[in-house]
N, C-alpha and C. Protein backbone atom coordinates (compact mmCIF):
# COMPACT_ATOMS: atom_id res chain seq x y z
N MET A 1 -18.96 5.43 20.04
CA MET A 1 -17.51 4.67 20.90
C MET A 1 -18.28 4.27 21.96
N THR A 2 -18.01 2.65 22.57
CA THR A 2 -18.14 2.51 23.55
C THR A 2 -17.43 2.68 25.02
N ASP A 3 -18.11 3.48 26.11
CA ASP A 3 -17.87 3.68 27.10
C ASP A 3 -16.79 2.69 27.72
N LEU A 4 -15.96 2.03 27.55
CA LEU A 4 -15.24 1.20 27.92
C LEU A 4 -15.33 1.35 30.34
N THR A 5 -15.85 1.91 30.69
CA THR A 5 -15.27 2.09 32.07
C THR A 5 -17.00 1.44 32.45
N ILE A 6 -18.12 0.95 31.70
CA ILE A 6 -19.08 0.29 31.98
C ILE A 6 -18.92 -1.29 31.68
N LEU A 7 -17.88 -1.63 31.04
CA LEU A 7 -18.11 -2.80 30.31
C LEU A 7 -17.61 -4.08 31.91
N THR A 8 -17.91 -4.84 31.74
CA THR A 8 -17.53 -6.04 32.22
C THR A 8 -16.44 -6.62 32.14
N ASP A 9 -16.23 -7.64 33.15
CA ASP A 9 -14.47 -7.87 32.75
C ASP A 9 -14.73 -9.10 31.86
N ASP A 10 -16.23 -9.87 31.49
CA ASP A 10 -16.52 -10.77 30.86
C ASP A 10 -16.79 -10.09 29.42
N ASP A 11 -17.63 -8.71 29.42
CA ASP A 11 -17.59 -7.42 28.14
C ASP A 11 -15.84 -8.10 27.66
N LEU A 12 -15.08 -7.41 28.30
CA LEU A 12 -13.82 -7.43 27.77
C LEU A 12 -13.28 -8.63 27.36
N SER A 13 -13.44 -9.60 28.50
CA SER A 13 -12.40 -10.81 27.66
C SER A 13 -13.65 -11.37 26.36
N ASP A 14 -14.95 -10.77 26.05
CA ASP A 14 -15.47 -11.46 24.88
C ASP A 14 -15.19 -10.54 23.93
N MET A 15 -14.42 -9.48 23.93
CA MET A 15 -14.51 -8.24 22.85
C MET A 15 -12.91 -9.08 22.47
N ILE A 16 -12.16 -9.01 23.38
CA ILE A 16 -10.20 -9.87 23.36
C ILE A 16 -10.48 -10.64 22.43
N SER A 17 -11.37 -11.96 22.60
CA SER A 17 -11.29 -13.22 21.88
C SER A 17 -11.92 -12.71 20.24
N GLU A 18 -12.73 -12.04 20.55
CA GLU A 18 -13.31 -11.69 18.87
C GLU A 18 -12.02 -11.08 18.21
N ALA A 19 -11.58 -10.48 19.06
CA ALA A 19 -10.23 -9.43 18.46
C ALA A 19 -9.38 -10.36 17.23
N ARG A 20 -9.54 -11.59 18.69
CA ARG A 20 -7.91 -12.74 18.34
C ARG A 20 -8.30 -13.46 16.96
N THR A 21 -9.93 -13.87 17.15
CA THR A 21 -10.02 -14.91 16.51
C THR A 21 -10.06 -13.95 14.79
N GLU A 22 -10.28 -12.36 14.73
CA GLU A 22 -9.97 -12.19 13.98
C GLU A 22 -8.90 -11.57 13.12
N LEU A 23 -8.07 -11.67 13.95
CA LEU A 23 -6.76 -11.65 13.54
C LEU A 23 -6.59 -12.46 13.11
N ARG A 24 -6.54 -13.93 13.50
CA ARG A 24 -6.22 -15.15 13.01
C ARG A 24 -6.88 -15.38 11.75
N ARG A 25 -8.24 -15.23 12.03
CA ARG A 25 -8.76 -15.27 10.15
C ARG A 25 -7.66 -14.26 9.25
N ARG A 26 -7.79 -13.70 9.41
CA ARG A 26 -6.95 -12.63 8.59
C ARG A 26 -5.68 -12.96 8.16
N LYS A 27 -4.70 -13.70 8.97
CA LYS A 27 -3.71 -14.58 9.16
C LYS A 27 -3.76 -15.61 7.97
N GLU A 28 -4.72 -16.26 8.24
CA GLU A 28 -4.77 -17.42 7.47
C GLU A 28 -5.89 -17.15 5.77
N GLU A 29 -6.60 -15.85 6.19
CA GLU A 29 -6.91 -15.66 4.61
C GLU A 29 -5.82 -15.62 3.33
N LYS A 30 -6.45 -16.18 2.58
CA LYS A 30 -5.11 -15.78 1.37
C LYS A 30 -5.09 -14.62 0.85
N LYS A 31 -3.55 -14.21 0.19
CA LYS A 31 -3.49 -13.12 0.09
C LYS A 31 -3.15 -12.85 -1.76
N LEU A 32 -3.43 -11.59 -1.79
CA LEU A 32 -3.38 -11.30 -2.83
C LEU A 32 -2.22 -10.22 -3.07
N PRO A 33 -1.70 -9.85 -4.55
CA PRO A 33 -0.68 -9.57 -4.73
C PRO A 33 -1.22 -8.00 -5.15
N VAL A 34 -0.46 -7.01 -4.99
CA VAL A 34 -0.56 -5.33 -5.60
C VAL A 34 0.79 -4.88 -5.61
N PHE A 35 0.75 -3.69 -6.89
CA PHE A 35 1.58 -3.47 -7.13
C PHE A 35 1.41 -1.69 -6.70
N LEU A 36 2.58 -1.63 -6.24
CA LEU A 36 3.23 0.47 -5.96
C LEU A 36 3.93 0.44 -6.88
N VAL A 37 3.27 1.93 -7.28
CA VAL A 37 4.26 2.54 -8.80
C VAL A 37 4.15 3.97 -8.29
N ASP A 38 5.00 4.97 -7.89
CA ASP A 38 4.91 6.19 -7.71
C ASP A 38 3.72 6.71 -7.06
N CYS A 39 3.79 5.94 -5.41
CA CYS A 39 2.91 5.97 -4.62
C CYS A 39 1.02 5.84 -4.31
N THR A 40 1.04 4.84 -5.58
CA THR A 40 -0.34 4.62 -6.38
C THR A 40 -0.03 2.67 -6.09
N TYR A 41 -1.35 2.05 -5.68
CA TYR A 41 -1.16 0.94 -5.51
C TYR A 41 -2.21 -0.34 -6.92
N TYR A 42 -1.59 -0.51 -7.53
CA TYR A 42 -2.60 -1.30 -8.46
C TYR A 42 -2.82 -2.70 -8.35
N LYS A 43 -3.82 -2.87 -8.81
CA LYS A 43 -4.64 -4.35 -9.00
C LYS A 43 -3.78 -5.14 -9.67
N SER A 44 -3.99 -3.87 -11.17
CA SER A 44 -3.56 -4.81 -12.24
C SER A 44 -1.99 -4.77 -12.12
N LEU A 45 -1.03 -6.18 -12.65
CA LEU A 45 0.11 -5.71 -12.77
C LEU A 45 0.69 -4.96 -14.17
N ARG A 46 -0.34 -5.32 -14.97
CA ARG A 46 -0.17 -4.25 -16.52
C ARG A 46 -0.44 -2.73 -16.02
N GLU A 47 -1.35 -2.39 -15.68
CA GLU A 47 -1.31 -1.44 -15.15
C GLU A 47 -0.19 -0.31 -14.66
N ALA A 48 0.06 -0.88 -13.40
CA ALA A 48 1.77 -1.13 -12.44
C ALA A 48 2.76 -0.85 -13.99
N VAL A 49 3.63 -1.89 -14.63
CA VAL A 49 4.00 -1.91 -15.80
C VAL A 49 3.82 -1.37 -16.52
N GLU A 50 2.59 -0.37 -16.76
CA GLU A 50 2.48 0.24 -18.02
C GLU A 50 2.54 2.02 -17.02
N LYS A 51 2.32 2.15 -16.16
CA LYS A 51 2.84 3.91 -15.13
C LYS A 51 4.15 3.73 -15.16
N HIS A 52 4.85 2.27 -14.96
CA HIS A 52 6.51 2.58 -14.49
C HIS A 52 7.22 3.05 -15.85
N PHE A 53 6.87 1.95 -16.59
CA PHE A 53 7.40 2.44 -18.02
C PHE A 53 6.46 4.27 -18.87
N GLU A 54 5.62 4.81 -18.49
CA GLU A 54 5.96 6.12 -18.97
C GLU A 54 6.58 6.67 -17.85
N MET A 55 6.63 6.86 -16.71
CA MET A 55 7.53 7.60 -15.54
C MET A 55 9.03 7.45 -16.86
N SER A 56 9.12 6.30 -16.80
CA SER A 56 10.76 6.06 -17.36
C SER A 56 11.34 6.75 -18.67
N SER A 57 9.83 6.86 -19.30
CA SER A 57 10.20 7.44 -20.64
C SER A 57 10.15 9.15 -20.67
N ARG A 58 9.90 9.05 -19.70
CA ARG A 58 9.47 10.69 -19.34
C ARG A 58 11.13 11.02 -18.73
N LEU A 59 11.32 9.94 -18.04
CA LEU A 59 13.22 10.52 -18.21
C LEU A 59 13.81 10.59 -18.41
N PHE A 60 13.79 9.08 -19.48
CA PHE A 60 14.68 9.19 -20.79
C PHE A 60 14.99 10.73 -21.70
N ASN A 61 13.12 11.46 -21.72
CA ASN A 61 13.32 12.57 -22.53
C ASN A 61 14.49 13.77 -22.12
N MET A 62 14.51 13.65 -20.58
CA MET A 62 14.99 14.76 -20.01
C MET A 62 16.62 15.21 -20.40
N SER A 63 16.81 16.24 -20.39
CA SER A 63 18.38 16.65 -20.05
C SER A 63 19.23 15.56 -19.10
N ASP A 64 20.61 16.50 -19.05
CA ASP A 64 21.36 15.26 -17.84
C ASP A 64 20.58 16.95 -16.20
N GLU A 65 21.00 17.81 -17.36
CA GLU A 65 20.42 18.88 -16.11
C GLU A 65 18.70 18.59 -15.27
N GLN A 66 18.04 18.64 -16.36
CA GLN A 66 16.51 18.60 -15.66
C GLN A 66 16.42 16.98 -15.11
N LEU A 67 16.82 16.16 -15.39
CA LEU A 67 16.95 14.66 -14.85
C LEU A 67 17.74 14.68 -13.50
N THR A 68 19.14 15.47 -13.35
CA THR A 68 19.78 15.93 -12.27
C THR A 68 18.86 16.43 -10.65
N LYS A 69 18.24 17.55 -11.35
CA LYS A 69 17.03 18.39 -10.55
C LYS A 69 15.98 17.65 -10.47
N TYR A 70 15.75 16.89 -11.13
CA TYR A 70 14.56 15.69 -10.53
C TYR A 70 14.49 14.84 -9.85
N LEU A 71 15.38 13.74 -10.32
CA LEU A 71 15.82 13.01 -9.33
C LEU A 71 16.65 13.53 -8.23
N GLY A 72 17.29 14.30 -7.99
CA GLY A 72 17.75 15.22 -6.76
C GLY A 72 16.69 16.01 -5.30
N GLU A 73 15.76 15.67 -6.02
CA GLU A 73 14.27 16.39 -4.65
C GLU A 73 14.50 15.37 -4.29
N TYR A 74 14.57 14.21 -5.02
CA TYR A 74 13.41 12.89 -4.59
C TYR A 74 14.30 11.70 -3.72
N LEU A 75 15.68 11.96 -3.94
CA LEU A 75 16.52 11.30 -3.27
C LEU A 75 17.01 12.71 -2.08
N THR A 76 16.81 13.63 -2.04
CA THR A 76 17.33 14.30 -0.52
C THR A 76 15.97 14.37 0.32
N ASP A 77 15.01 14.39 -0.01
CA ASP A 77 13.74 14.68 0.36
C ASP A 77 13.21 13.43 1.09
N GLU A 78 14.18 12.40 0.91
CA GLU A 78 13.38 10.99 2.18
C GLU A 78 11.91 10.68 0.90
N VAL A 79 11.59 10.73 -0.07
CA VAL A 79 10.53 10.50 -0.50
C VAL A 79 10.61 8.45 -0.88
N SER A 80 9.66 7.76 -0.22
CA SER A 80 9.70 6.87 -0.96
C SER A 80 10.47 6.34 -2.17
N ARG A 81 11.44 5.33 -2.34
CA ARG A 81 11.98 5.10 -3.75
C ARG A 81 11.33 4.46 -4.56
N SER A 82 10.08 3.61 -3.88
CA SER A 82 8.82 2.83 -4.94
C SER A 82 8.74 3.40 -6.31
N ARG A 83 9.09 4.73 -5.93
CA ARG A 83 8.85 5.74 -7.23
C ARG A 83 9.58 5.10 -8.72
N PHE A 84 10.31 4.75 -8.25
CA PHE A 84 11.49 4.65 -9.64
C PHE A 84 11.43 3.28 -9.87
N GLY A 85 10.48 1.98 -9.00
CA GLY A 85 10.72 0.53 -9.40
C GLY A 85 8.78 0.14 -9.33
N ILE A 86 8.95 -0.93 -9.10
CA ILE A 86 7.81 -1.70 -9.17
C ILE A 86 7.80 -2.36 -7.76
N LYS A 87 7.24 -1.59 -6.47
CA LYS A 87 6.58 -3.11 -5.65
C LYS A 87 5.97 -3.55 -5.09
N ILE A 88 6.17 -4.78 -4.77
CA ILE A 88 5.17 -6.13 -4.43
C ILE A 88 4.75 -6.09 -3.41
N GLU A 89 3.43 -6.10 -3.04
CA GLU A 89 2.95 -6.08 -1.68
C GLU A 89 1.76 -7.25 -1.64
N PHE A 90 1.43 -8.13 -0.82
CA PHE A 90 0.27 -8.90 -0.56
C PHE A 90 -0.75 -8.74 0.28
N TRP A 91 -1.98 -8.14 0.31
CA TRP A 91 -3.08 -7.71 0.89
C TRP A 91 -3.86 -8.80 1.01
N SER A 92 -4.74 -9.38 2.40
CA SER A 92 -5.43 -10.02 2.52
C SER A 92 -6.67 -9.87 1.75
N GLU A 93 -7.21 -11.36 1.49
CA GLU A 93 -8.56 -11.20 0.69
C GLU A 93 -9.79 -10.11 0.62
N SER A 94 -9.76 -10.14 2.04
CA SER A 94 -10.97 -9.12 2.20
C SER A 94 -10.43 -7.38 2.34
N GLU A 95 -9.42 -7.19 2.28
CA GLU A 95 -8.73 -6.21 2.05
C GLU A 95 -8.66 -5.87 0.92
N TYR A 96 -8.06 -6.32 -0.45
CA TYR A 96 -7.82 -6.66 -1.57
C TYR A 96 -9.54 -6.20 -2.20
N ASN A 97 -10.25 -7.25 -1.92
CA ASN A 97 -11.69 -6.94 -2.24
C ASN A 97 -12.76 -5.99 -1.78
N ALA A 98 -11.92 -5.00 -0.91
CA ALA A 98 -12.33 -4.02 0.13
C ALA A 98 -12.24 -2.70 -0.52
N ARG A 99 -11.39 -2.49 -1.84
CA ARG A 99 -10.40 -1.69 -2.12
C ARG A 99 -10.74 -1.50 -3.59
N PRO A 100 -10.38 -0.27 -3.81
CA PRO A 100 -10.74 -0.25 -5.57
C PRO A 100 -9.78 -0.56 -6.69
N ASP A 101 -9.50 -0.44 -7.54
CA ASP A 101 -8.73 -1.29 -8.41
C ASP A 101 -7.34 -0.16 -8.33
N ARG A 102 -7.29 0.65 -7.89
CA ARG A 102 -6.02 2.18 -7.43
C ARG A 102 -6.09 2.64 -6.33
N VAL A 103 -5.20 2.51 -5.55
CA VAL A 103 -5.70 3.62 -4.37
C VAL A 103 -3.83 4.29 -4.29
N TRP A 104 -4.37 5.89 -4.05
CA TRP A 104 -3.38 6.79 -4.08
C TRP A 104 -2.74 6.50 -2.59
N GLY A 105 -1.65 6.41 -2.26
CA GLY A 105 -1.07 6.68 -0.93
C GLY A 105 -0.92 5.48 -0.43
N SER A 106 -0.28 5.97 1.07
CA SER A 106 0.27 4.18 2.13
C SER A 106 -1.22 3.74 2.54
N VAL A 107 -1.41 2.16 2.45
CA VAL A 107 -2.23 1.68 2.99
C VAL A 107 -2.18 0.76 4.11
N SER A 108 -0.83 0.79 4.55
CA SER A 108 -0.03 0.22 5.82
C SER A 108 -0.39 1.05 7.18
């Protein structure tokens, strides 16, 4: 890491200008959809829907007692509600291309 104490005002100004240019480029860049299901991002809508269907099918096969216990843990432990649906987010093209087809966990 660069020691910021040895940088001149011109160096810092150049860094700020480059950072602003990069932010502008990212804002203007094409956005591509990704789908969040059960704490995993999918680039493929088909995979996301299949995962959601798989999870839903498991819930339908549970008894009322099992279902209450399963859902109760998630509803009271502040777990993301995306577990029960499909959330759509849009990533910049460079971010989209830099990541694998499946990404587990929070990207933000």
